[in-house]
Amino acid sequence: MAKKYEFKPDKRSGGLWQKLYLTKKQRRSILRWALYALTLLVLSVLQDVILCRFRLFGATTDLIPPAIFVICLIEGAHNSCIFALVASMLYLFSGTAPGYYSMVLIPVLAIAASLAQQAFLQKGLGATFLCASVALVLYEALTFLMGLFLEVTLPGRFLGFMTTTALSLPFILILYPICTSIETLGGETWKE
């Protein structure tokens, strides 16, 4: 029988989530962005380990830029500005990016595509595919032009760059349902 004034140990505190004092919506948002980062990591490994071995006309796929474009188009320009910059920096430091200029090209094109989609198109698969495709074509063309300017590629390699674009475009259709299912984790964002 316990006495009224007997020593009782303190209650155990919860895990890290309770100590951070995050709301349920904030925790879900952190989970959403972590899953986006995990998706990019899986795509990077898939690109560097498996898909780089298969070449068509001397070109291979490039999965990270289309994935960044799709995520930014799904999340909107105001939610994904920082994500595009951080993801392009990690893409650069992974060693698979063509050069330092990709750290500028990817966020600028991703945000421009997001703004264009928000201004002129309704959110959906068709609009996302169109905007991501245009952004990917511009990215590959500007990468080719920067390579010519820096004298690291030859004019005859333009077909290879466009083949890379053509091989990467179908992955937009594969990434869209994955990213939209991840987007639903965070709940509705507040809109004006």
Foldseek 3Di string as FASTA:
>chain_A
DDDPPDDDDDDDDDDPVVVVVDDPLRVLVVVLVVVLVVVLVVVVCCVVPPQVVDDDPNATADANLLSLLLLLLVVALVVCLVVQLVSQVVVVVVPPDPDPCSSVLSSVLSNVLRVCCVVPHDDDLVSSLVSSLVSLVVVLVVSVVVCVVVVVDDPVCSVRSVVNSVNNSVVNVVSNVVSVVSVPSSPDDDDD
